[in-house]
């Protein structure tokens, strides 16, 4: 039996997905995309999953696309890279963006190309101090994809986005933190325990409301103020009708710890 390219583990309401091609720095090929797409169905459909944790096996997080999976011989037809983006990468980023559950990303090593965009697409990204982020597309005559050209200027600003995209220089975890690309940096030996505890904490929270928060913040990038105010009104209405809101208020009045169900 072949080793799975995506490892799955559910514990304490957390679904951990581990990119598992360590010999290729967890770079993507078509089969890995297919396995990740199937694994994401668990997060989307299983009510027992309250939080998603994504990380990588070995010394890297994800090196983006596996270039060994591309045939660029001069005697072969020119590859349609847009087809790969449309078939695999765009649906992945859209699914993560739309998932009504918090997503924690543990960046354990290099995150390059689409691998960097994958990390930026998650809700709370924690990096090992030994990790790095590289926009490597410019070295191949390509453009940042998987939402990279959208995330970078919004998170780091236009000047830094241009520098990263046009130069392809390595950005350290500390620098990524200073630029607002990620949430926190921890030492390598603490990454697994820290992110696991964070994901478990989120899984105990009112995750229906956390999903509404994701929707509100993600929508703010393209909404006007008036549109965002209306959206906040509508989402607050939904949150106020949830079982989690009722439990939160009841627990506050009774001076006890709430027990949320994510609905």
Protein backbone atom coordinates (compact mmCIF):
# COMPACT_ATOMS: atom_id res chain seq x y z
CA UNK A 1 0.00 0.00 0.00
CA UNK A 2 1.36 3.41 -0.98
CA UNK A 3 2.00 5.97 1.72
CA UNK A 4 -0.81 8.57 1.77
CA UNK A 5 0.20 12.06 0.69
CA UNK A 6 -2.25 13.62 3.15
CA UNK A 7 -2.36 12.30 6.70
CA UNK A 8 -5.57 12.85 8.69
CA UNK A 9 -6.13 12.69 12.43
CA UNK A 10 -9.15 13.75 14.48
CA UNK A 11 -8.82 14.41 18.20
CA UNK A 12 -10.61 16.78 20.60
CA UNK A 13 -12.64 18.31 17.77
CA UNK A 14 -9.54 19.09 15.70
CA UNK A 15 -8.88 17.60 12.27
CA UNK A 16 -5.14 17.68 11.59
CA UNK A 17 -4.13 17.47 7.93
CA UNK A 18 -0.44 16.82 7.35
CA UNK A 19 1.05 17.32 3.89
CA UNK A 20 3.07 14.14 3.53
CA UNK A 21 5.62 14.21 0.73
CA UNK A 22 8.64 15.08 2.88
CA UNK A 23 11.15 13.88 0.29
CA UNK A 24 9.74 16.55 -2.08
CA UNK A 25 9.28 19.23 0.62
CA UNK A 26 5.56 18.43 0.44
CA UNK A 27 5.27 19.93 -3.03
CA UNK A 28 2.00 19.31 -4.86
CA UNK A 29 1.32 16.88 -7.65
CA UNK A 30 -2.12 15.95 -9.00
CA UNK A 31 -2.61 13.00 -6.65
CA UNK A 32 -1.72 15.06 -3.59
CA UNK A 33 -4.29 17.65 -4.67
CA UNK A 34 -6.92 14.93 -5.02
CA UNK A 35 -6.15 13.50 -1.59
CA UNK A 36 -6.27 16.94 0.03
CA UNK A 37 -9.61 17.66 -1.62
CA UNK A 38 -11.02 14.43 -0.17
CA UNK A 39 -9.62 15.21 3.28
CA UNK A 40 -11.23 18.65 3.28
CA UNK A 41 -14.62 16.98 2.88
CA UNK A 42 -14.20 15.63 6.41
CA UNK A 43 -13.79 19.15 7.79
CA UNK A 44 -16.76 20.39 5.79
CA UNK A 45 -19.19 17.55 6.53
CA UNK A 46 -18.29 16.13 9.95
CA UNK A 47 -19.93 18.13 12.76
CA UNK A 48 -17.47 16.61 15.23
CA UNK A 49 -14.71 18.60 13.52
CA UNK A 50 -14.74 22.09 15.02
CA UNK A 51 -11.31 23.29 13.89
CA UNK A 52 -8.83 22.43 11.13
CA UNK A 53 -5.04 22.30 11.62
CA UNK A 54 -2.77 22.14 8.56
CA UNK A 55 0.96 21.40 8.72
CA UNK A 56 3.71 19.60 6.83
CA UNK A 57 5.79 16.48 7.42
CA UNK A 58 9.56 16.61 7.59
CA UNK A 59 11.68 19.74 7.28
CA UNK A 60 9.40 21.74 4.96
CA UNK A 61 5.83 22.99 5.02
CA UNK A 62 5.15 23.08 1.28
CA UNK A 63 7.37 23.98 -1.67
CA UNK A 64 4.41 24.68 -3.96
CA UNK A 65 4.10 22.83 -7.25
CA UNK A 66 6.37 19.83 -7.85
CA UNK A 67 8.25 20.85 -10.99
CA UNK A 68 9.15 17.23 -11.64
CA UNK A 69 5.48 16.83 -12.46
CA UNK A 70 5.82 19.29 -15.36
CA UNK A 71 7.06 18.37 -18.83
CA UNK A 72 8.65 21.40 -20.48
CA UNK A 73 10.72 19.63 -23.13
CA UNK A 74 11.01 21.63 -26.33
CA UNK A 75 9.64 18.71 -28.31
CA UNK A 76 6.45 18.60 -26.20
CA UNK A 77 3.34 20.74 -26.41
CA UNK A 78 3.50 23.88 -24.26
CA UNK A 79 1.83 23.12 -20.91
CA UNK A 80 -1.37 24.96 -19.91
CA UNK A 81 -0.51 26.03 -16.37
CA UNK A 82 -3.76 27.95 -16.12
CA UNK A 83 -5.59 24.63 -16.32
CA UNK A 84 -3.77 23.37 -13.24
CA UNK A 85 -4.55 26.59 -11.38
CA UNK A 86 -8.22 26.40 -12.34
CA UNK A 87 -8.54 22.69 -11.56
CA UNK A 88 -6.61 22.44 -8.30
CA UNK A 89 -5.23 25.59 -6.69
CA UNK A 90 -8.18 27.96 -7.09
CA UNK A 91 -10.73 25.49 -5.69
CA UNK A 92 -8.43 24.79 -2.72
CA UNK A 93 -8.09 28.45 -1.75
CA UNK A 94 -11.81 29.05 -2.27
CA UNK A 95 -12.69 26.11 -0.02
CA UNK A 96 -10.42 27.31 2.77
CA UNK A 97 -11.79 30.84 2.48
CA UNK A 98 -15.40 29.64 2.60
CA UNK A 99 -15.00 27.01 5.34
CA UNK A 100 -17.16 28.07 8.32
CA UNK A 101 -14.65 26.68 10.82
CA UNK A 102 -11.37 28.19 12.05
CA UNK A 103 -8.22 27.03 10.26
CA UNK A 104 -4.86 27.04 12.01
CA UNK A 105 -1.69 26.62 9.96
CA UNK A 106 1.58 25.39 11.51
CA UNK A 107 4.40 26.35 9.13
CA UNK A 108 7.20 24.01 10.14
CA UNK A 109 9.68 24.89 7.38
CA UNK A 110 9.95 26.54 3.98
CA UNK A 111 6.68 27.72 2.42
CA UNK A 112 7.32 28.56 -1.22
CA UNK A 113 5.12 29.54 -4.14
CA UNK A 114 1.66 28.08 -3.75
CA UNK A 115 2.81 26.68 -0.41
CA UNK A 116 3.25 30.22 0.90
CA UNK A 117 -0.17 31.19 -0.44
CA UNK A 118 -1.68 28.15 1.29
CA UNK A 119 -0.26 29.33 4.61
CA UNK A 120 -1.54 32.88 4.05
CA UNK A 121 -5.02 31.58 3.18
CA UNK A 122 -5.46 30.06 6.64
CA UNK A 123 -7.07 32.02 9.47
CA UNK A 124 -4.32 31.89 12.11
CA UNK A 125 -0.84 31.06 10.87
CA UNK A 126 1.93 30.17 13.32
CA UNK A 127 5.46 29.67 12.02
CA UNK A 128 8.51 28.01 13.43
CA UNK A 129 11.38 30.45 13.87
CA UNK A 130 13.27 28.35 11.31
CA UNK A 131 10.51 28.67 8.69
CA UNK A 132 10.65 30.97 5.67
CA UNK A 133 8.35 32.29 2.96
CA UNK A 134 9.39 32.61 -0.69
CA UNK A 135 7.48 33.93 -3.69
CA UNK A 136 9.45 31.85 -6.18
CA UNK A 137 7.29 32.39 -9.27
CA UNK A 138 9.43 35.22 -10.65
CA UNK A 139 12.39 32.84 -11.01
CA UNK A 140 10.39 30.79 -13.50
CA UNK A 141 8.76 33.60 -15.47
CA UNK A 142 5.42 33.07 -13.72
CA UNK A 143 3.07 35.11 -11.53
CA UNK A 144 2.00 34.41 -7.93
CA UNK A 145 -1.09 32.22 -7.96
CA UNK A 146 -3.29 30.49 -5.38
CA UNK A 147 -4.33 33.94 -4.22
CA UNK A 148 -0.75 35.07 -3.67
CA UNK A 149 -1.17 38.31 -5.63
CA UNK A 150 -4.34 39.02 -3.59
CA UNK A 151 -3.06 38.16 -0.10
CA UNK A 152 0.37 39.79 -0.27
CA UNK A 153 -0.57 43.46 -0.85
CA UNK A 154 -3.45 43.23 1.62
CA UNK A 155 -1.36 41.70 4.37
CA UNK A 156 2.05 43.29 3.82
CA UNK A 157 1.33 46.34 1.67
CA UNK A 158 2.10 47.06 -1.98
CA UNK A 159 5.81 47.83 -1.58
CA UNK A 160 6.59 44.61 0.27
CA UNK A 161 4.34 42.59 -2.02
CA UNK A 162 6.19 43.93 -5.06
CA UNK A 163 9.57 43.21 -3.49
CA UNK A 164 8.63 39.65 -2.59
CA UNK A 165 7.01 38.93 -5.96
CA UNK A 166 9.62 40.56 -8.22
CA UNK A 167 12.76 39.50 -6.36
CA UNK A 168 11.77 36.11 -4.93
CA UNK A 169 13.89 36.69 -1.84
CA UNK A 170 13.49 34.51 1.22
CA UNK A 171 11.46 36.15 4.00
CA UNK A 172 12.19 34.80 7.45
CA UNK A 173 9.47 33.89 9.91
CA UNK A 174 10.40 36.88 12.11
CA UNK A 175 10.19 39.21 9.12
CA UNK A 176 6.86 37.70 8.08
CA UNK A 177 5.57 38.41 11.58
CA UNK A 178 6.77 42.02 11.47
CA UNK A 179 5.12 42.50 8.08
CA UNK A 180 1.76 41.15 9.25
CA UNK A 181 1.83 38.03 7.07
CA UNK A 182 1.43 35.64 10.03
CA UNK A 183 0.13 35.71 13.60
CA UNK A 184 3.00 34.37 15.72
CA UNK A 185 6.45 32.77 15.67
CA UNK A 186 7.49 30.02 18.08
CA UNK A 187 10.62 27.93 18.47
CA UNK A 188 10.74 24.76 16.35
CA UNK A 189 10.44 22.37 19.29
CA UNK A 190 7.32 24.19 20.54
CA UNK A 191 5.43 24.41 17.23
CA UNK A 192 3.52 21.12 17.38
CA UNK A 193 2.36 21.51 20.97
CA UNK A 194 1.55 25.20 20.63
CA UNK A 195 -0.55 24.89 17.49
CA UNK A 196 -2.27 21.75 18.73
CA UNK A 197 -3.32 23.51 21.95
CA UNK A 198 -4.46 26.55 19.99
CA UNK A 199 -6.59 24.41 17.66
CA UNK A 200 -8.08 22.52 20.60
CA UNK A 201 -8.98 25.81 22.26
CA UNK A 202 -10.71 27.06 19.12
CA UNK A 203 -12.61 23.77 18.87
CA UNK A 204 -14.19 24.47 22.28
CA UNK A 205 -15.34 27.96 21.31
CA UNK A 206 -18.62 29.06 19.65
CA UNK A 207 -17.44 27.96 16.23
CA UNK A 208 -20.66 28.91 14.47
CA UNK A 209 -19.92 32.49 15.47
CA UNK A 210 -16.26 32.12 14.52
CA UNK A 211 -17.43 31.15 11.05
CA UNK A 212 -19.50 34.34 10.90
CA UNK A 213 -16.42 36.35 11.93
CA UNK A 214 -14.45 34.74 9.07
CA UNK A 215 -17.21 35.68 6.64
CA UNK A 216 -17.30 39.27 7.87
CA UNK A 217 -13.55 39.86 7.72
CA UNK A 218 -13.11 38.12 4.36
CA UNK A 219 -15.96 40.18 2.87
CA UNK A 220 -14.53 43.48 4.11
CA UNK A 221 -11.79 43.39 1.46
CA UNK A 222 -14.27 44.19 -1.30
CA UNK A 223 -17.21 45.77 0.56
CA UNK A 224 -17.86 49.46 1.00
CA UNK A 225 -18.41 50.65 4.57
CA UNK A 226 -22.18 50.73 4.02
CA UNK A 227 -22.13 47.19 2.62
CA UNK A 228 -20.03 45.99 5.54
CA UNK A 229 -22.35 47.61 8.09
CA UNK A 230 -25.31 45.85 6.51
CA UNK A 231 -23.42 42.56 6.48
CA UNK A 232 -22.52 42.94 10.16
CA UNK A 233 -26.20 43.50 10.93
CA UNK A 234 -27.21 40.37 9.04
CA UNK A 235 -24.49 38.20 10.57
CA UNK A 236 -25.24 39.48 14.07
CA UNK A 237 -28.84 38.47 13.53
CA UNK A 238 -27.72 34.95 12.65
CA UNK A 239 -25.33 34.80 15.60
CA UNK A 240 -28.04 35.94 18.01
CA UNK A 241 -30.25 33.05 16.93
CA UNK A 242 -27.58 30.40 17.53
CA UNK A 243 -27.51 27.85 20.32
CA UNK A 244 -23.96 28.98 21.13
CA UNK A 245 -25.11 32.55 21.86
CA UNK A 246 -27.84 31.25 24.15
CA UNK A 247 -25.32 29.03 25.94
CA UNK A 248 -22.78 31.84 26.24
CA UNK A 249 -25.25 34.23 27.85
CA UNK A 250 -26.66 31.52 30.14
CA UNK A 251 -23.17 30.55 31.30
CA UNK A 252 -22.25 34.19 31.93
CA UNK A 253 -25.35 34.77 34.06
CA UNK A 254 -24.83 31.50 35.97
CA UNK A 255 -21.10 32.22 36.40
CA UNK A 256 -20.07 28.87 34.89
CA UNK A 257 -17.93 27.74 31.98
CA UNK A 258 -19.93 27.56 28.73
CA UNK A 259 -20.19 24.35 26.73
CA UNK A 260 -20.55 25.32 23.08
CA UNK A 261 -21.82 23.00 20.37
CA UNK A 262 -20.89 24.97 17.25
CA UNK A 263 -24.50 25.59 16.21
